[in-house]
Amino acid sequence: MLNGYLMVNRVPGNFHIEARSKYHDLEPTMTNLSHVVHKLSFGDPLKPVELNLIANVPKDMTQISPLDERVYANDANHQAFHHFIKVVSTNYDIGSQTVKGYQQLAMSQIMQYGEDQVPEARFSYQITPMGVVVKKTGRKWYDFVTSVCAIIGGSFTLIGVIDAAFYKILKNKQF
């Protein structure tokens, strides 16, 4: 344990969904493994209260289950989707409350199979050894004042440069 955060070793894993039958012979080249992922998650599911807390966090920082309720349809037989998932431990520090969960970064692609191979929908996942902490903090009043002063100062400088350029051009034309 490091500073209150549990560090998990890198743990790759996978599971496969394949068409098989004890009682029937399946023709591998005629297999279609289109599928729907209804729910795929890691860790304990977040409670509704926790989901409400992270609702205002930008969507790119809350990819909790990107594969959920997605249809993966194969256009042709004898091919299947392979899903590659990175699982990242994430703590959302919002005000005085902390929500602990896992984010998923997922990529899917269609794979072609040889004539003697039976296609399988493959889910490969890897739990990253590092975690992410997302903090929501407000802006301080002096940050706003500094930004306004920077805008005013930059505008004043730009106007001064333009004024000096016009002065030099007009002064040269008088002689």
Foldseek 3Di string as FASTA:
>chain_A
DPPPDDFDDKDKDKDKAFDDDPPDDDQQQQAWDKDAAADDADDDDDDPVVCVQCVPPDPVVAQGDVRHGDTGGDPHGQKEKEKEKEKAWEWEAEPPDIDTGIHIDMDMDIDHDDRVDHYIHMYMYIYDRHHYYHYDDDDDPVVVVVVVVVVVVVVVVVVVVVVVVVVVVVVVVVD
